[in-house]
Amino acid sequence: MAREQITGSEQEHLAGLRDRFLYPGERSFQSRQGTRKIRITVDLEEADYRTLKDLTDHLAMLSGNPVLSHAAVWREMLRLTAENTVLHPALVMRLRPLTEGPPTADT
């Protein structure tokens, strides 16, 4: 549906949905234009992208937010992991093979 075909009440409903799912203290994009954002790029294997897509779709369904973005899911996963130090040892165990490099003949 083209933007000009959306009625005023539909626009209000969509704005309400958008505002309902902002993080506490976060303002909508239109009012945050002056804030500095840093863009990152993440290269995902096809299976990892499918996992992200499936997780985002599942969380969108659970939250009732049909417009949940991958970026919103990434931000929340980052915050959740940073806040929950009990997850850090499991994360370290998953990252350790990545930081140790490929196996050598001695190992």
N, C-alpha and C. Protein backbone atom coordinates (compact mmCIF):
# COMPACT_ATOMS: atom_id res chain seq x y z
N MET A 1 0.85 -1.18 0.00
CA MET A 1 0.00 0.00 0.00
C MET A 1 0.89 1.23 0.00
N ALA A 2 0.67 2.13 -0.91
CA ALA A 2 1.48 3.35 -1.00
C ALA A 2 1.19 4.25 0.20
N ARG A 3 2.19 5.01 0.60
CA ARG A 3 2.05 5.86 1.78
C ARG A 3 0.86 6.80 1.66
N GLU A 4 0.62 7.36 0.47
CA GLU A 4 -0.48 8.31 0.32
C GLU A 4 -1.84 7.65 0.45
N GLN A 5 -1.90 6.31 0.39
CA GLN A 5 -3.17 5.61 0.54
C GLN A 5 -3.49 5.26 1.99
N ILE A 6 -2.54 5.49 2.89
CA ILE A 6 -2.77 5.17 4.30
C ILE A 6 -3.56 6.32 4.93
N THR A 7 -4.64 5.98 5.60
CA THR A 7 -5.48 7.00 6.23
C THR A 7 -4.81 7.53 7.49
N GLY A 8 -5.31 8.63 7.98
CA GLY A 8 -4.78 9.23 9.20
C GLY A 8 -4.86 8.29 10.38
N SER A 9 -5.98 7.57 10.52
CA SER A 9 -6.11 6.65 11.65
C SER A 9 -5.14 5.48 11.52
N GLU A 10 -4.88 5.05 10.27
CA GLU A 10 -3.91 3.97 10.06
C GLU A 10 -2.50 4.44 10.41
N GLN A 11 -2.19 5.68 10.05
CA GLN A 11 -0.88 6.23 10.39
C GLN A 11 -0.71 6.33 11.90
N GLU A 12 -1.77 6.74 12.59
CA GLU A 12 -1.72 6.82 14.05
C GLU A 12 -1.52 5.43 14.65
N HIS A 13 -2.21 4.43 14.09
CA HIS A 13 -2.06 3.06 14.58
C HIS A 13 -0.63 2.57 14.38
N LEU A 14 -0.05 2.82 13.20
CA LEU A 14 1.32 2.40 12.93
C LEU A 14 2.31 3.13 13.83
N ALA A 15 2.09 4.42 14.06
CA ALA A 15 2.96 5.19 14.96
C ALA A 15 2.85 4.64 16.37
N GLY A 16 1.66 4.26 16.78
CA GLY A 16 1.48 3.67 18.11
C GLY A 16 2.22 2.35 18.24
N LEU A 17 2.16 1.51 17.19
CA LEU A 17 2.91 0.25 17.20
C LEU A 17 4.41 0.52 17.31
N ARG A 18 4.90 1.46 16.50
CA ARG A 18 6.32 1.79 16.53
C ARG A 18 6.74 2.26 17.92
N ASP A 19 5.98 3.18 18.50
CA ASP A 19 6.33 3.74 19.80
C ASP A 19 6.19 2.70 20.92
N ARG A 20 5.27 1.75 20.74
CA ARG A 20 5.04 0.72 21.76
C ARG A 20 6.25 -0.18 21.94
N PHE A 21 7.03 -0.36 20.87
CA PHE A 21 8.13 -1.31 20.92
C PHE A 21 9.50 -0.66 20.97
N LEU A 22 9.56 0.60 21.34
CA LEU A 22 10.85 1.24 21.54
C LEU A 22 11.41 0.81 22.88
N TYR A 23 12.72 0.85 23.03
CA TYR A 23 13.35 0.53 24.30
C TYR A 23 13.03 1.63 25.30
N PRO A 24 13.02 1.32 26.60
CA PRO A 24 12.75 2.35 27.59
C PRO A 24 13.70 3.53 27.42
N GLY A 25 13.15 4.71 27.36
CA GLY A 25 13.95 5.91 27.20
C GLY A 25 14.35 6.21 25.76
N GLU A 26 14.03 5.31 24.84
CA GLU A 26 14.39 5.52 23.44
C GLU A 26 13.28 6.32 22.76
N ARG A 27 13.69 7.25 21.90
CA ARG A 27 12.72 8.03 21.16
C ARG A 27 12.64 7.50 19.74
N SER A 28 11.57 7.85 19.05
CA SER A 28 11.41 7.36 17.69
C SER A 28 12.51 7.90 16.79
N PHE A 29 12.73 7.26 15.66
CA PHE A 29 13.81 7.64 14.73
C PHE A 29 13.71 9.10 14.33
N GLN A 30 12.49 9.57 14.07
CA GLN A 30 12.34 10.95 13.63
C GLN A 30 12.87 11.94 14.67
N SER A 31 12.72 11.63 15.94
CA SER A 31 13.17 12.57 16.97
C SER A 31 14.61 12.31 17.39
N ARG A 32 15.24 11.27 16.82
CA ARG A 32 16.61 10.94 17.21
C ARG A 32 17.60 11.28 16.10
N GLN A 33 17.20 12.04 15.11
CA GLN A 33 18.07 12.29 13.98
C GLN A 33 19.37 12.97 14.37
N GLY A 34 19.39 13.72 15.46
CA GLY A 34 20.61 14.39 15.88
C GLY A 34 21.58 13.49 16.61
N THR A 35 21.17 12.28 17.01
CA THR A 35 22.08 11.39 17.73
C THR A 35 23.02 10.71 16.76
N ARG A 36 24.18 10.36 17.25
CA ARG A 36 25.20 9.73 16.41
C ARG A 36 25.04 8.22 16.46
N LYS A 37 24.93 7.61 15.32
CA LYS A 37 24.85 6.16 15.23
C LYS A 37 26.11 5.66 14.55
N ILE A 38 26.53 4.49 14.93
CA ILE A 38 27.68 3.85 14.31
C ILE A 38 27.18 2.62 13.59
N ARG A 39 27.41 2.56 12.30
CA ARG A 39 26.96 1.43 11.49
C ARG A 39 28.02 0.35 11.49
N ILE A 40 27.58 -0.88 11.69
CA ILE A 40 28.48 -2.01 11.58
C ILE A 40 27.93 -2.96 10.51
N THR A 41 28.80 -3.75 9.96
CA THR A 41 28.40 -4.74 8.98
C THR A 41 28.82 -6.10 9.52
N VAL A 42 27.93 -7.05 9.46
CA VAL A 42 28.21 -8.40 9.93
C VAL A 42 27.99 -9.35 8.76
N ASP A 43 29.02 -10.08 8.41
CA ASP A 43 28.90 -11.09 7.35
C ASP A 43 28.45 -12.39 7.99
N LEU A 44 27.31 -12.89 7.56
CA LEU A 44 26.76 -14.11 8.12
C LEU A 44 26.77 -15.23 7.09
N GLU A 45 27.03 -16.42 7.58
CA GLU A 45 26.83 -17.60 6.74
C GLU A 45 25.33 -17.69 6.49
N GLU A 46 24.96 -18.38 5.43
CA GLU A 46 23.54 -18.50 5.09
C GLU A 46 22.74 -19.11 6.25
N ALA A 47 23.30 -20.11 6.91
CA ALA A 47 22.60 -20.76 8.03
C ALA A 47 22.41 -19.79 9.20
N ASP A 48 23.43 -18.94 9.46
CA ASP A 48 23.31 -17.95 10.54
C ASP A 48 22.26 -16.90 10.21
N TYR A 49 22.22 -16.49 8.95
CA TYR A 49 21.20 -15.52 8.54
C TYR A 49 19.80 -16.13 8.71
N ARG A 50 19.65 -17.39 8.33
CA ARG A 50 18.36 -18.07 8.48
C ARG A 50 17.97 -18.12 9.96
N THR A 51 18.97 -18.39 10.82
CA THR A 51 18.71 -18.42 12.26
C THR A 51 18.24 -17.05 12.75
N LEU A 52 18.93 -15.99 12.32
CA LEU A 52 18.53 -14.62 12.70
C LEU A 52 17.13 -14.32 12.20
N LYS A 53 16.84 -14.66 10.97
CA LYS A 53 15.52 -14.40 10.40
C LYS A 53 14.44 -15.17 11.15
N ASP A 54 14.68 -16.45 11.41
CA ASP A 54 13.71 -17.27 12.13
C ASP A 54 13.49 -16.74 13.56
N LEU A 55 14.59 -16.37 14.23
CA LEU A 55 14.48 -15.83 15.59
C LEU A 55 13.71 -14.52 15.58
N THR A 56 14.01 -13.64 14.63
CA THR A 56 13.32 -12.35 14.54
C THR A 56 11.83 -12.56 14.28
N ASP A 57 11.51 -13.46 13.37
CA ASP A 57 10.10 -13.76 13.09
C ASP A 57 9.39 -14.31 14.32
N HIS A 58 10.06 -15.21 15.04
CA HIS A 58 9.48 -15.80 16.24
C HIS A 58 9.26 -14.74 17.33
N LEU A 59 10.27 -13.89 17.55
CA LEU A 59 10.13 -12.83 18.55
C LEU A 59 9.08 -11.81 18.15
N ALA A 60 8.96 -11.54 16.86
CA ALA A 60 7.92 -10.62 16.37
C ALA A 60 6.55 -11.18 16.70
N MET A 61 6.37 -12.49 16.48
CA MET A 61 5.09 -13.12 16.78
C MET A 61 4.81 -13.07 18.29
N LEU A 62 5.81 -13.42 19.11
CA LEU A 62 5.61 -13.43 20.56
C LEU A 62 5.33 -12.05 21.12
N SER A 63 6.00 -11.03 20.56
CA SER A 63 5.84 -9.67 21.08
C SER A 63 4.62 -8.96 20.50
N GLY A 64 4.05 -9.50 19.44
CA GLY A 64 2.94 -8.83 18.79
C GLY A 64 3.39 -7.65 17.95
N ASN A 65 4.69 -7.60 17.64
CA ASN A 65 5.25 -6.51 16.85
C ASN A 65 5.56 -7.03 15.45
N PRO A 66 4.69 -6.78 14.48
CA PRO A 66 4.89 -7.33 13.14
C PRO A 66 6.04 -6.69 12.38
N VAL A 67 6.59 -5.60 12.89
CA VAL A 67 7.65 -4.90 12.16
C VAL A 67 8.98 -4.95 12.92
N LEU A 68 9.22 -6.00 13.67
CA LEU A 68 10.47 -6.15 14.40
C LEU A 68 11.62 -6.31 13.42
N SER A 69 12.67 -5.54 13.62
CA SER A 69 13.79 -5.56 12.68
C SER A 69 14.93 -6.42 13.20
N HIS A 70 15.78 -6.86 12.27
CA HIS A 70 16.97 -7.60 12.66
C HIS A 70 17.86 -6.74 13.57
N ALA A 71 17.96 -5.45 13.26
CA ALA A 71 18.78 -4.55 14.06
C ALA A 71 18.27 -4.47 15.50
N ALA A 72 16.96 -4.43 15.68
CA ALA A 72 16.39 -4.38 17.03
C ALA A 72 16.74 -5.65 17.79
N VAL A 73 16.69 -6.79 17.11
CA VAL A 73 17.03 -8.06 17.75
C VAL A 73 18.51 -8.07 18.13
N TRP A 74 19.39 -7.63 17.23
CA TRP A 74 20.83 -7.57 17.53
C TRP A 74 21.08 -6.69 18.75
N ARG A 75 20.46 -5.49 18.77
CA ARG A 75 20.69 -4.57 19.89
C ARG A 75 20.25 -5.20 21.21
N GLU A 76 19.09 -5.85 21.19
CA GLU A 76 18.59 -6.44 22.44
C GLU A 76 19.44 -7.64 22.86
N MET A 77 19.91 -8.45 21.90
CA MET A 77 20.79 -9.57 22.26
C MET A 77 22.09 -9.04 22.87
N LEU A 78 22.62 -7.95 22.33
CA LEU A 78 23.84 -7.34 22.87
C LEU A 78 23.60 -6.86 24.30
N ARG A 79 22.52 -6.15 24.51
CA ARG A 79 22.20 -5.64 25.85
C ARG A 79 21.97 -6.78 26.83
N LEU A 80 21.24 -7.79 26.41
CA LEU A 80 20.94 -8.93 27.27
C LEU A 80 22.22 -9.65 27.66
N THR A 81 23.10 -9.86 26.71
CA THR A 81 24.36 -10.54 26.99
C THR A 81 25.25 -9.70 27.90
N ALA A 82 25.31 -8.40 27.66
CA ALA A 82 26.14 -7.52 28.48
C ALA A 82 25.62 -7.47 29.93
N GLU A 83 24.32 -7.47 30.10
CA GLU A 83 23.71 -7.36 31.44
C GLU A 83 23.77 -8.66 32.23
N ASN A 84 23.77 -9.79 31.56
CA ASN A 84 23.70 -11.09 32.22
C ASN A 84 25.05 -11.77 32.21
N THR A 85 25.86 -11.45 33.21
CA THR A 85 27.22 -11.99 33.26
C THR A 85 27.24 -13.51 33.39
N VAL A 86 26.15 -14.11 33.81
CA VAL A 86 26.09 -15.57 33.90
C VAL A 86 26.21 -16.21 32.51
N LEU A 87 25.90 -15.44 31.46
CA LEU A 87 26.03 -15.94 30.09
C LEU A 87 27.47 -15.86 29.57
N HIS A 88 28.32 -15.07 30.20
CA HIS A 88 29.65 -14.81 29.69
C HIS A 88 30.52 -16.07 29.58
N PRO A 89 30.53 -16.98 30.59
CA PRO A 89 31.35 -18.19 30.42
C PRO A 89 30.92 -19.03 29.21
N ALA A 90 29.63 -19.16 28.98
CA ALA A 90 29.17 -19.93 27.82
C ALA A 90 29.57 -19.24 26.53
N LEU A 91 29.53 -17.93 26.52
CA LEU A 91 29.94 -17.17 25.33
C LEU A 91 31.44 -17.35 25.09
N VAL A 92 32.22 -17.29 26.16
CA VAL A 92 33.67 -17.48 26.03
C VAL A 92 33.96 -18.87 25.47
N MET A 93 33.24 -19.88 25.92
CA MET A 93 33.46 -21.25 25.43
C MET A 93 33.16 -21.33 23.93
N ARG A 94 32.15 -20.62 23.47
CA ARG A 94 31.82 -20.63 22.04
C ARG A 94 32.82 -19.81 21.22
N LEU A 95 33.40 -18.78 21.83
CA LEU A 95 34.34 -17.93 21.13
C LEU A 95 35.76 -18.49 21.14
N ARG A 96 36.09 -19.29 22.15
CA ARG A 96 37.46 -19.78 22.29
C ARG A 96 37.98 -20.45 21.02
N PRO A 97 37.24 -21.35 20.38
CA PRO A 97 37.78 -21.94 19.15
C PRO A 97 38.06 -20.89 18.07
N LEU A 98 37.33 -19.79 18.07
CA LEU A 98 37.54 -18.75 17.07
C LEU A 98 38.82 -17.97 17.34
N THR A 99 39.18 -17.84 18.62
CA THR A 99 40.36 -17.03 18.97
C THR A 99 41.63 -17.86 19.00
N GLU A 100 41.50 -19.17 19.13
CA GLU A 100 42.69 -20.03 19.20
C GLU A 100 43.28 -20.31 17.84
N GLY A 101 42.53 -20.09 16.78
CA GLY A 101 43.04 -20.36 15.45
C GLY A 101 42.86 -21.82 15.09
N PRO A 102 43.29 -22.17 13.90
CA PRO A 102 43.10 -23.56 13.46
C PRO A 102 44.00 -24.50 14.25
N PRO A 103 43.58 -25.76 14.38
CA PRO A 103 44.40 -26.72 15.11
C PRO A 103 45.75 -26.91 14.42
N THR A 104 46.76 -27.14 15.21
CA THR A 104 48.09 -27.39 14.66
C THR A 104 48.44 -28.86 14.84
N ALA A 105 49.58 -29.27 14.33
CA ALA A 105 50.00 -30.67 14.44
C ALA A 105 50.27 -31.06 15.89
N ASP A 106 50.59 -30.08 16.76
CA ASP A 106 50.89 -30.41 18.17
C ASP A 106 49.63 -30.66 19.00
N THR A 107 48.45 -30.24 18.52
CA THR A 107 47.25 -30.36 19.35
C THR A 107 46.39 -31.51 18.92
